[in-house]
Protein backbone atom coordinates (compact mmCIF):
# COMPACT_ATOMS: atom_id res chain seq x y z
CA MET A 1 14.54 30.32 40.53
CA LYS A 2 17.54 28.12 41.91
CA ASN A 3 21.28 28.36 41.87
CA GLN A 4 21.32 30.95 39.17
CA HIS A 5 24.84 31.56 37.67
CA ASN A 6 26.22 33.21 34.57
CA GLU A 7 27.79 31.25 31.76
CA GLN A 8 30.54 32.40 29.29
CA PHE A 9 30.35 32.54 25.58
CA ASP A 10 31.96 29.34 24.23
CA CYS A 11 33.99 31.38 21.52
CA ALA A 12 37.17 33.21 21.61
CA GLN A 13 37.04 37.18 21.89
CA VAL A 14 37.89 38.23 18.31
CA ASP A 15 39.19 41.57 17.19
CA HIS A 16 36.40 43.57 15.51
CA PRO A 17 36.84 47.00 13.68
CA LEU A 18 35.38 49.72 15.90
CA PRO A 19 34.05 53.02 14.95
CA SER A 20 36.37 55.89 15.00
CA ASP A 21 33.78 58.49 15.81
CA GLN A 22 33.29 58.79 19.52
CA ARG A 23 29.72 59.63 19.06
CA GLU A 24 29.14 56.38 17.24
CA VAL A 25 31.21 54.52 20.00
CA ASP A 26 28.88 56.02 22.71
CA ALA A 27 25.61 55.28 20.76
CA CYS A 28 26.94 51.48 20.43
CA LEU A 29 27.49 51.41 24.05
CA LEU A 30 23.97 52.77 24.80
CA ALA A 31 22.30 50.33 22.34
CA ALA A 32 24.04 47.52 23.96
CA ARG A 33 22.94 48.58 27.66
CA ARG A 34 19.34 48.91 26.40
CA CYS A 35 19.32 45.51 24.51
CA TYR A 36 20.55 44.06 27.86
CA ASP A 37 17.65 45.86 29.64
CA PHE A 38 15.14 44.59 27.17
CA HIS A 39 16.33 40.94 27.19
CA PRO A 40 17.52 40.45 30.96
CA TYR A 41 18.08 36.81 30.02
CA PHE A 42 21.16 37.78 28.49
CA TYR A 43 22.82 39.42 31.35
CA MET A 44 21.33 36.55 33.57
CA ARG A 45 22.94 33.86 31.37
CA TYR A 46 26.06 35.37 30.23
CA GLY A 47 26.84 38.38 32.89
CA GLU A 48 29.55 41.13 32.03
CA ARG A 49 31.30 38.83 29.60
CA GLY A 50 28.11 38.89 27.56
CA SER A 51 27.93 42.52 27.88
CA ALA A 52 31.47 42.88 26.55
CA PHE A 53 30.43 40.71 23.46
CA ALA A 54 27.38 42.76 23.06
CA ARG A 55 29.22 46.10 22.86
CA THR A 56 31.88 44.79 20.65
CA ASP A 57 29.54 43.22 18.32
CA GLY A 58 27.68 46.41 18.10
CA GLY A 59 30.80 48.46 17.20
CA TYR A 60 31.41 46.17 14.49
CA LEU A 61 27.99 46.20 13.01
CA ALA A 62 28.16 50.06 13.04
CA THR A 63 31.41 49.82 10.94
CA LEU A 64 29.34 47.80 8.16
CA VAL A 65 27.02 50.68 7.29
CA ASP A 66 29.22 52.00 4.49
CA GLN A 67 29.16 48.52 2.61
CA PRO A 68 26.56 47.46 0.27
CA GLN A 69 23.14 46.24 1.93
CA ALA A 70 24.08 42.59 0.68
CA LYS A 71 27.09 42.57 2.34
CA VAL A 72 25.72 44.16 5.62
CA ASP A 73 22.88 41.42 5.43
CA LYS A 74 25.29 38.80 4.86
CA GLN A 75 27.60 39.70 7.91
CA VAL A 76 24.37 40.13 10.29
CA PHE A 77 22.81 36.66 9.31
CA TRP A 78 26.07 35.20 9.86
CA LEU A 79 26.76 36.56 13.20
CA ALA A 80 23.20 36.18 14.28
CA THR A 81 23.41 32.35 13.24
CA PHE A 82 26.60 32.10 15.08
CA LEU A 83 25.13 33.43 18.21
CA ALA A 84 21.78 31.37 17.83
CA ARG A 85 23.87 28.24 18.09
CA ARG A 86 25.10 29.36 21.44
CA GLY A 87 21.98 30.17 23.30
CA LEU A 88 20.90 33.77 21.65
CA PRO A 89 17.91 33.45 19.41
CA ARG A 90 18.20 35.77 16.57
CA TRP A 91 15.46 37.79 18.00
CA LEU A 92 18.10 39.21 20.16
CA MET A 93 20.22 40.52 17.09
CA GLU A 94 16.70 41.84 15.49
CA THR A 95 16.42 43.71 18.67
CA HIS A 96 19.90 45.05 18.91
CA LEU A 97 19.93 46.29 15.43
CA ASP A 98 16.56 48.16 15.92
CA LEU A 99 18.22 49.90 18.90
CA LEU A 100 21.68 50.59 17.09
CA CYS A 101 19.93 52.29 14.15
CA GLU A 102 17.81 54.33 16.54
CA GLU A 103 20.92 55.49 18.74
CA LEU A 104 23.35 55.90 15.85
CA SER A 105 20.76 58.06 14.04
CA ALA A 106 20.11 60.21 16.99
CA ALA A 107 23.93 60.49 17.76
CA VAL A 108 25.08 61.31 14.07
CA PRO A 109 21.99 62.43 12.15
CA ALA A 110 23.85 63.26 9.09
CA ARG A 111 24.77 59.37 8.56
CA SER A 112 21.23 58.45 9.36
CA GLU A 113 20.49 57.06 5.84
CA ALA A 114 23.56 54.81 5.95
CA TYR A 115 22.38 53.44 9.52
CA GLN A 116 19.10 52.44 7.96
CA LYS A 117 21.02 49.50 6.61
CA LEU A 118 20.99 48.08 9.79
CA LEU A 119 17.39 48.40 10.22
CA HIS A 120 17.06 46.87 6.76
CA SER A 121 18.94 43.57 8.22
CA ALA A 122 16.55 43.62 11.33
CA ASP A 123 13.67 43.59 8.99
CA ARG A 124 14.86 40.74 7.20
CA LEU A 125 15.42 38.80 10.37
CA ARG A 126 11.92 39.97 11.63
CA GLU A 127 10.59 38.59 8.28
CA ALA A 128 12.23 35.11 8.79
CA ARG A 129 10.84 35.07 12.36
CA THR A 130 7.31 36.16 11.61
CA ALA A 131 7.05 33.77 8.49
CA TRP A 132 6.85 30.85 11.23
CA ILE A 133 4.98 32.68 14.18
CA SER A 134 3.23 35.95 13.39
CA GLN A 135 3.94 38.82 15.70
CA ALA A 136 0.27 38.53 17.17
CA ASP A 137 1.01 34.85 18.04
CA PHE A 138 4.57 35.66 19.39
CA ASP A 139 3.21 38.12 21.69
CA ALA A 140 0.69 35.99 22.80
CA LEU A 141 3.26 33.26 23.64
CA MET A 142 5.14 35.64 25.69
CA ALA A 143 2.16 36.83 27.92
CA SER A 144 1.11 33.14 28.20
CA PHE A 145 4.68 32.06 29.27
CA ASP A 146 4.64 34.86 31.92
CA ALA A 147 1.51 33.87 33.44
CA SER A 148 2.12 30.13 33.61
CA SER A 149 5.94 30.43 34.58
CA GLY A 150 5.83 33.07 37.21
CA GLY A 151 7.41 35.66 35.01
CA TRP A 152 10.88 35.29 36.55
CA ILE A 153 12.69 36.55 33.19
CA GLU A 154 10.99 39.11 31.21
CA ARG A 155 10.25 38.04 27.64
CA ALA A 156 11.41 34.72 28.05
CA GLY A 157 8.58 33.16 26.24
CA GLY A 158 9.63 35.42 23.28
CA LEU A 159 13.15 33.64 23.22
CA LEU A 160 11.39 30.32 23.20
CA GLY A 161 9.17 31.08 20.04
CA ALA A 162 12.23 32.93 18.53
CA ALA A 163 14.28 29.71 19.14
CA VAL A 164 11.60 27.56 17.37
CA CYS A 165 11.35 30.21 14.36
CA ASP A 166 15.21 29.56 14.02
CA GLU A 167 14.98 26.07 14.08
CA CYS A 168 12.34 26.47 11.34
CA CYS A 169 14.89 28.12 9.29
CA GLY A 170 17.23 25.40 9.62
CA LEU A 171 19.33 26.30 12.66
CA THR A 172 18.75 22.71 14.27
CA HIS A 173 20.86 23.71 17.57
CA ALA A 174 18.94 26.83 18.30
CA VAL A 175 16.69 25.32 20.61
CA PRO A 176 18.90 22.86 22.51
CA SER A 177 21.51 25.68 23.13
CA LEU A 178 18.62 27.75 24.68
CA LEU A 179 17.11 24.87 26.63
CA SER A 180 20.54 23.83 28.06
CA TRP A 181 20.11 26.64 30.56
CA MET A 182 16.39 27.66 30.27
CA ASP A 183 15.23 24.30 30.93
CA ASP A 184 17.79 23.46 33.83
CA ALA A 185 15.72 21.81 36.84
CA SER A 186 18.74 22.48 39.14
CA ARG A 187 18.29 26.31 38.54
CA PHE A 188 14.49 26.75 37.73
CA SER A 189 11.26 25.47 39.50
CA PRO A 190 9.12 22.67 38.07
CA GLN A 191 6.66 25.12 37.50
CA TRP A 192 9.02 27.04 35.26
CA CYS A 193 10.09 23.94 33.32
CA ALA A 194 6.81 22.87 32.60
CA ALA A 195 5.86 26.37 31.06
CA VAL A 196 8.94 25.95 28.92
CA SER A 197 7.76 22.64 27.55
CA GLU A 198 4.36 23.86 27.04
CA THR A 199 5.43 27.04 25.29
CA LEU A 200 7.62 25.14 22.93
CA ASP A 201 4.86 22.56 21.93
CA ARG A 202 2.70 25.65 21.30
CA ALA A 203 5.43 27.50 19.20
CA ARG A 204 6.09 24.42 17.19
CA ALA A 205 2.31 23.95 16.56
CA ILE A 206 1.88 27.31 15.40
CA ALA A 207 5.11 26.89 13.21
CA ALA A 208 3.70 23.60 11.74
CA GLN A 209 0.77 25.38 10.63
CA ALA A 210 2.54 28.03 8.80
CA LYS A 211 4.37 25.18 7.22
CA GLY A 212 1.15 23.68 6.04
CA ALA A 213 -0.50 27.10 5.02
């Protein structure tokens, strides 16, 4: 990997409502940290500014659980779509929601039923992704990319597959916004860039088969 550096989000910081219960705040911070650990791409590309957005977004998502499920889903999909256009495939939101539900439920068990709304939204994102690339094929893409690219960024192949799924769902900027960093020859080796291209081709071929099924 060459000349690695962090980027900033190209959107202004916004004031989201945040939980008033310190237990929820702490759970949101832990979920954001775990999401960063699970997706190292997040930190490698966006650094501390990205971490701040993850914490803020997590706090906002936690405040939605008292709303009807339809409103939770609507806000989740809006935010996930917004971020996908800026280099963060919706799979990252899916992961974040899974972790938020887990950490919030552990921190405040009495509200675990309400937190399940976040898991429901994650499941809807997951359904949208696996409608184009099954989980088995998705996992195979990740493993193949790690083997062919040198494995510098864990689960990077999954991000490529997820961006293709987002593209198939109508998010036309999902792949280009990811590739602007992940396919940068000034940052990555020829081996890595070749693996990126090959994985995208494979992901699109799998998605094309799903469309024709």
